[in-house]
């Protein structure tokens, strides 16, 4: 399955439905940590919410 990262600034966001599909999902609510992880690890899919997520795409 895919190596995924999931970002939402809301720490209560629940991404369990994605991981229940068998994907390896790493969850973040800090945009800096999300970017650092993506730069240091192979990521197949990124789920990025809100305007922070849009800004991360530009980096």
PDB file of N, CA and C in Angstrom:
ATOM      1  N   UNK A   1       0.822  -1.186   0.000  1.00  0.00           N
ATOM      2  CA  UNK A   1       0.000   0.000   0.000  1.00  0.00           C
ATOM      3  C   UNK A   1       0.870   1.254   0.000  1.00  0.00           C
ATOM      4  N   UNK A   2       0.219   2.380  -0.061  1.00  0.00           N
ATOM      5  CA  UNK A   2       0.909   3.659  -0.187  1.00  0.00           C
ATOM      6  C   UNK A   2       1.421   4.184   1.150  1.00  0.00           C
ATOM      7  N   UNK A   3       2.557   4.893   1.093  1.00  0.00           N
ATOM      8  CA  UNK A   3       3.060   5.657   2.238  1.00  0.00           C
ATOM      9  C   UNK A   3       2.428   7.037   2.129  1.00  0.00           C
ATOM     10  N   UNK A   4       1.640   7.430   3.123  1.00  0.00           N
ATOM     11  CA  UNK A   4       0.889   8.676   3.066  1.00  0.00           C
ATOM     12  C   UNK A   4       1.214   9.560   4.259  1.00  0.00           C
ATOM     13  N   UNK A   5       1.094  10.876   4.036  1.00  0.00           N
ATOM     14  CA  UNK A   5       1.081  11.813   5.147  1.00  0.00           C
ATOM     15  C   UNK A   5      -0.269  12.507   5.114  1.00  0.00           C
ATOM     16  N   UNK A   6      -0.767  12.841   6.297  1.00  0.00           N
ATOM     17  CA  UNK A   6      -2.035  13.542   6.420  1.00  0.00           C
ATOM     18  C   UNK A   6      -1.832  14.727   7.344  1.00  0.00           C
ATOM     19  N   UNK A   7      -2.211  15.915   6.878  1.00  0.00           N
ATOM     20  CA  UNK A   7      -2.044  17.128   7.665  1.00  0.00           C
ATOM     21  C   UNK A   7      -3.393  17.821   7.848  1.00  0.00           C
ATOM     22  N   UNK A   8      -3.654  18.218   9.079  1.00  0.00           N
ATOM     23  CA  UNK A   8      -4.764  19.114   9.401  1.00  0.00           C
ATOM     24  C   UNK A   8      -4.349  19.867  10.657  1.00  0.00           C
ATOM     25  N   UNK A   9      -4.545  21.168  10.684  1.00  0.00           N
ATOM     26  CA  UNK A   9      -4.130  21.965  11.841  1.00  0.00           C
ATOM     27  C   UNK A   9      -4.945  21.621  13.085  1.00  0.00           C
ATOM     28  N   UNK A  10      -6.091  20.993  12.915  1.00  0.00           N
ATOM     29  CA  UNK A  10      -6.938  20.582  14.036  1.00  0.00           C
ATOM     30  C   UNK A  10      -6.382  19.286  14.641  1.00  0.00           C
ATOM     31  N   UNK A  11      -5.879  19.334  15.882  1.00  0.00           N
ATOM     32  CA  UNK A  11      -5.302  18.126  16.477  1.00  0.00           C
ATOM     33  C   UNK A  11      -6.325  17.011  16.713  1.00  0.00           C
ATOM     34  N   UNK A  12      -7.602  17.341  16.666  1.00  0.00           N
ATOM     35  CA  UNK A  12      -8.649  16.334  16.861  1.00  0.00           C
ATOM     36  C   UNK A  12      -9.097  15.682  15.556  1.00  0.00           C
ATOM     37  N   UNK A  13      -8.491  16.083  14.433  1.00  0.00           N
ATOM     38  CA  UNK A  13      -8.856  15.477  13.150  1.00  0.00           C
ATOM     39  C   UNK A  13      -8.541  13.995  13.186  1.00  0.00           C
ATOM     40  N   UNK A  14      -9.449  13.200  12.683  1.00  0.00           N
ATOM     41  CA  UNK A  14      -9.310  11.754  12.745  1.00  0.00           C
ATOM     42  C   UNK A  14      -9.140  11.197  11.332  1.00  0.00           C
ATOM     43  N   UNK A  15      -7.991  10.591  11.071  1.00  0.00           N
ATOM     44  CA  UNK A  15      -7.677  10.025   9.763  1.00  0.00           C
ATOM     45  C   UNK A  15      -7.750   8.497   9.787  1.00  0.00           C
ATOM     46  N   UNK A  16      -8.409   7.949  10.791  1.00  0.00           N
ATOM     47  CA  UNK A  16      -8.461   6.491  10.944  1.00  0.00           C
ATOM     48  C   UNK A  16      -9.061   5.783   9.743  1.00  0.00           C
ATOM     49  N   UNK A  17     -10.009   6.409   9.075  1.00  0.00           N
ATOM     50  CA  UNK A  17     -10.642   5.761   7.912  1.00  0.00           C
ATOM     51  C   UNK A  17      -9.612   5.504   6.821  1.00  0.00           C
ATOM     52  N   UNK A  18      -8.654   6.403   6.669  1.00  0.00           N
ATOM     53  CA  UNK A  18      -7.616   6.233   5.651  1.00  0.00           C
ATOM     54  C   UNK A  18      -6.682   5.089   6.045  1.00  0.00           C
ATOM     55  N   UNK A  19      -6.259   5.071   7.288  1.00  0.00           N
ATOM     56  CA  UNK A  19      -5.357   4.004   7.713  1.00  0.00           C
ATOM     57  C   UNK A  19      -6.065   2.649   7.764  1.00  0.00           C
ATOM     58  N   UNK A  20      -7.371   2.657   7.966  1.00  0.00           N
ATOM     59  CA  UNK A  20      -8.107   1.389   8.004  1.00  0.00           C
ATOM     60  C   UNK A  20      -8.144   0.713   6.631  1.00  0.00           C
ATOM     61  N   UNK A  21      -7.815   1.453   5.592  1.00  0.00           N
ATOM     62  CA  UNK A  21      -7.769   0.891   4.241  1.00  0.00           C
ATOM     63  C   UNK A  21      -6.449   0.170   3.973  1.00  0.00           C
ATOM     64  N   UNK A  22      -5.554   0.161   4.967  1.00  0.00           N
ATOM     65  CA  UNK A  22      -4.303  -0.570   4.847  1.00  0.00           C
ATOM     66  C   UNK A  22      -3.106   0.286   4.473  1.00  0.00           C
ATOM     67  N   UNK A  23      -3.301   1.593   4.344  1.00  0.00           N
ATOM     68  CA  UNK A  23      -2.186   2.482   4.004  1.00  0.00           C
ATOM     69  C   UNK A  23      -1.371   2.798   5.250  1.00  0.00           C
ATOM     70  N   UNK A  24      -0.083   3.062   5.045  1.00  0.00           N
ATOM     71  CA  UNK A  24       0.798   3.504   6.120  1.00  0.00           C
ATOM     72  C   UNK A  24       0.676   5.020   6.181  1.00  0.00           C
ATOM     73  N   UNK A  25      -0.053   5.538   7.181  1.00  0.00           N
ATOM     74  CA  UNK A  25      -0.345   6.971   7.262  1.00  0.00           C
ATOM     75  C   UNK A  25       0.344   7.569   8.478  1.00  0.00           C
ATOM     76  N   UNK A  26       1.070   8.672   8.254  1.00  0.00           N
ATOM     77  CA  UNK A  26       1.665   9.442   9.333  1.00  0.00           C
ATOM     78  C   UNK A  26       0.891  10.743   9.425  1.00  0.00           C
ATOM     79  N   UNK A  27       0.399  11.049  10.629  1.00  0.00           N
ATOM     80  CA  UNK A  27      -0.489  12.190  10.831  1.00  0.00           C
ATOM     81  C   UNK A  27       0.265  13.365  11.434  1.00  0.00           C
ATOM     82  N   UNK A  28      -0.102  14.575  11.002  1.00  0.00           N
ATOM     83  CA  UNK A  28       0.517  15.795  11.517  1.00  0.00           C
ATOM     84  C   UNK A  28      -0.535  16.867  11.749  1.00  0.00           C
ATOM     85  N   UNK A  29      -0.274  17.741  12.744  1.00  0.00           N
ATOM     86  CA  UNK A  29      -1.071  18.959  12.892  1.00  0.00           C
ATOM     87  C   UNK A  29      -0.162  20.185  12.960  1.00  0.00           C
ATOM     88  N   UNK A  30       1.107  19.981  12.644  1.00  0.00           N
ATOM     89  CA  UNK A  30       2.080  21.067  12.560  1.00  0.00           C
ATOM     90  C   UNK A  30       2.662  21.078  11.148  1.00  0.00           C
ATOM     91  N   UNK A  31       2.503  22.201  10.458  1.00  0.00           N
ATOM     92  CA  UNK A  31       2.928  22.259   9.051  1.00  0.00           C
ATOM     93  C   UNK A  31       4.433  22.084   8.897  1.00  0.00           C
ATOM     94  N   UNK A  32       5.222  22.631   9.822  1.00  0.00           N
ATOM     95  CA  UNK A  32       6.677  22.474   9.744  1.00  0.00           C
ATOM     96  C   UNK A  32       7.114  21.027   9.868  1.00  0.00           C
ATOM     97  N   UNK A  33       6.503  20.303  10.782  1.00  0.00           N
ATOM     98  CA  UNK A  33       6.823  18.886  10.942  1.00  0.00           C
ATOM     99  C   UNK A  33       6.418  18.094   9.704  1.00  0.00           C
ATOM    100  N   UNK A  34       5.306  18.486   9.098  1.00  0.00           N
ATOM    101  CA  UNK A  34       4.835  17.815   7.885  1.00  0.00           C
ATOM    102  C   UNK A  34       5.849  17.969   6.764  1.00  0.00           C
ATOM    103  N   UNK A  35       6.320  19.180   6.569  1.00  0.00           N
ATOM    104  CA  UNK A  35       7.294  19.464   5.511  1.00  0.00           C
ATOM    105  C   UNK A  35       8.604  18.730   5.781  1.00  0.00           C
ATOM    106  N   UNK A  36       9.074  18.787   7.026  1.00  0.00           N
ATOM    107  CA  UNK A  36      10.321  18.090   7.380  1.00  0.00           C
ATOM    108  C   UNK A  36      10.216  16.596   7.087  1.00  0.00           C
ATOM    109  N   UNK A  37       9.107  15.978   7.470  1.00  0.00           N
ATOM    110  CA  UNK A  37       8.920  14.555   7.238  1.00  0.00           C
ATOM    111  C   UNK A  37       8.926  14.244   5.745  1.00  0.00           C
ATOM    112  N   UNK A  38       8.215  15.061   4.962  1.00  0.00           N
ATOM    113  CA  UNK A  38       8.120  14.832   3.515  1.00  0.00           C
ATOM    114  C   UNK A  38       9.473  14.989   2.831  1.00  0.00           C
ATOM    115  N   UNK A  39      10.304  15.880   3.330  1.00  0.00           N
ATOM    116  CA  UNK A  39      11.624  16.079   2.736  1.00  0.00           C
ATOM    117  C   UNK A  39      12.580  14.942   3.075  1.00  0.00           C
ATOM    118  N   UNK A  40      12.343  14.258   4.191  1.00  0.00           N
ATOM    119  CA  UNK A  40      13.261  13.219   4.653  1.00  0.00           C
ATOM    120  C   UNK A  40      12.788  11.805   4.351  1.00  0.00           C
ATOM    121  N   UNK A  41      11.549  11.640   3.885  1.00  0.00           N
ATOM    122  CA  UNK A  41      10.974  10.309   3.684  1.00  0.00           C
ATOM    123  C   UNK A  41      10.255  10.229   2.343  1.00  0.00           C
ATOM    124  N   UNK A  42      10.191   9.028   1.816  1.00  0.00           N
ATOM    125  CA  UNK A  42       9.421   8.807   0.588  1.00  0.00           C
ATOM    126  C   UNK A  42       7.935   8.871   0.938  1.00  0.00           C
ATOM    127  N   UNK A  43       7.214   9.722   0.227  1.00  0.00           N
ATOM    128  CA  UNK A  43       5.780   9.870   0.440  1.00  0.00           C
ATOM    129  C   UNK A  43       5.089   9.702  -0.903  1.00  0.00           C
ATOM    130  N   UNK A  44       4.132   8.772  -0.957  1.00  0.00           N
ATOM    131  CA  UNK A  44       3.391   8.543  -2.198  1.00  0.00           C
ATOM    132  C   UNK A  44       2.216   9.497  -2.344  1.00  0.00           C
ATOM    133  N   UNK A  45       1.536   9.777  -1.238  1.00  0.00           N
ATOM    134  CA  UNK A  45       0.326  10.605  -1.272  1.00  0.00           C
ATOM    135  C   UNK A  45       0.339  11.529  -0.064  1.00  0.00           C
ATOM    136  N   UNK A  46      -0.027  12.801  -0.276  1.00  0.00           N
ATOM    137  CA  UNK A  46      -0.147  13.764   0.813  1.00  0.00           C
ATOM    138  C   UNK A  46      -1.573  14.290   0.852  1.00  0.00           C
ATOM    139  N   UNK A  47      -2.211  14.166   2.000  1.00  0.00           N
ATOM    140  CA  UNK A  47      -3.541  14.724   2.216  1.00  0.00           C
ATOM    141  C   UNK A  47      -3.348  15.968   3.070  1.00  0.00           C
ATOM    142  N   UNK A  48      -3.523  17.128   2.480  1.00  0.00           N
ATOM    143  CA  UNK A  48      -3.229  18.399   3.138  1.00  0.00           C
ATOM    144  C   UNK A  48      -4.485  19.261   3.153  1.00  0.00           C
ATOM    145  N   UNK A  49      -4.953  19.614   4.334  1.00  0.00           N
ATOM    146  CA  UNK A  49      -6.208  20.366   4.418  1.00  0.00           C
ATOM    147  C   UNK A  49      -5.973  21.849   4.674  1.00  0.00           C
ATOM    148  N   UNK A  50      -6.956  22.637   4.318  1.00  0.00           N
ATOM    149  CA  UNK A  50      -6.960  24.060   4.614  1.00  0.00           C
ATOM    150  C   UNK A  50      -5.941  24.868   3.848  1.00  0.00           C
ATOM    151  N   UNK A  51      -5.882  26.149   4.215  1.00  0.00           N
ATOM    152  CA  UNK A  51      -4.948  27.058   3.519  1.00  0.00           C
ATOM    153  C   UNK A  51      -3.499  26.711   3.837  1.00  0.00           C
ATOM    154  N   UNK A  52      -3.229  26.171   5.029  1.00  0.00           N
ATOM    155  CA  UNK A  52      -1.866  25.720   5.348  1.00  0.00           C
ATOM    156  C   UNK A  52      -1.429  24.630   4.390  1.00  0.00           C
ATOM    157  N   UNK A  53      -2.336  23.710   4.086  1.00  0.00           N
ATOM    158  CA  UNK A  53      -2.039  22.627   3.141  1.00  0.00           C
ATOM    159  C   UNK A  53      -1.724  23.155   1.762  1.00  0.00           C
ATOM    160  N   UNK A  54      -2.490  24.143   1.348  1.00  0.00           N
ATOM    161  CA  UNK A  54      -2.247  24.775   0.040  1.00  0.00           C
ATOM    162  C   UNK A  54      -0.885  25.443   0.022  1.00  0.00           C
ATOM    163  N   UNK A  55      -0.519  26.102   1.083  1.00  0.00           N
ATOM    164  CA  UNK A  55       0.790  26.754   1.159  1.00  0.00           C
ATOM    165  C   UNK A  55       1.930  25.740   1.123  1.00  0.00           C
ATOM    166  N   UNK A  56       1.742  24.565   1.713  1.00  0.00           N
ATOM    167  CA  UNK A  56       2.788  23.537   1.708  1.00  0.00           C
ATOM    168  C   UNK A  56       3.060  23.019   0.314  1.00  0.00           C
ATOM    169  N   UNK A  57       2.080  22.997  -0.537  1.00  0.00           N
ATOM    170  CA  UNK A  57       2.267  22.521  -1.913  1.00  0.00           C
ATOM    171  C   UNK A  57       3.270  23.398  -2.643  1.00  0.00           C
ATOM    172  N   UNK A  58       3.326  24.667  -2.307  1.00  0.00           N
ATOM    173  CA  UNK A  58       4.199  25.623  -2.977  1.00  0.00           C
ATOM    174  C   UNK A  58       5.663  25.432  -2.588  1.00  0.00           C
ATOM    175  N   UNK A  59       5.922  24.703  -1.498  1.00  0.00           N
ATOM    176  CA  UNK A  59       7.309  24.561  -1.006  1.00  0.00           C
ATOM    177  C   UNK A  59       8.044  23.480  -1.757  1.00  0.00           C
TER     178      UNK A  59
END
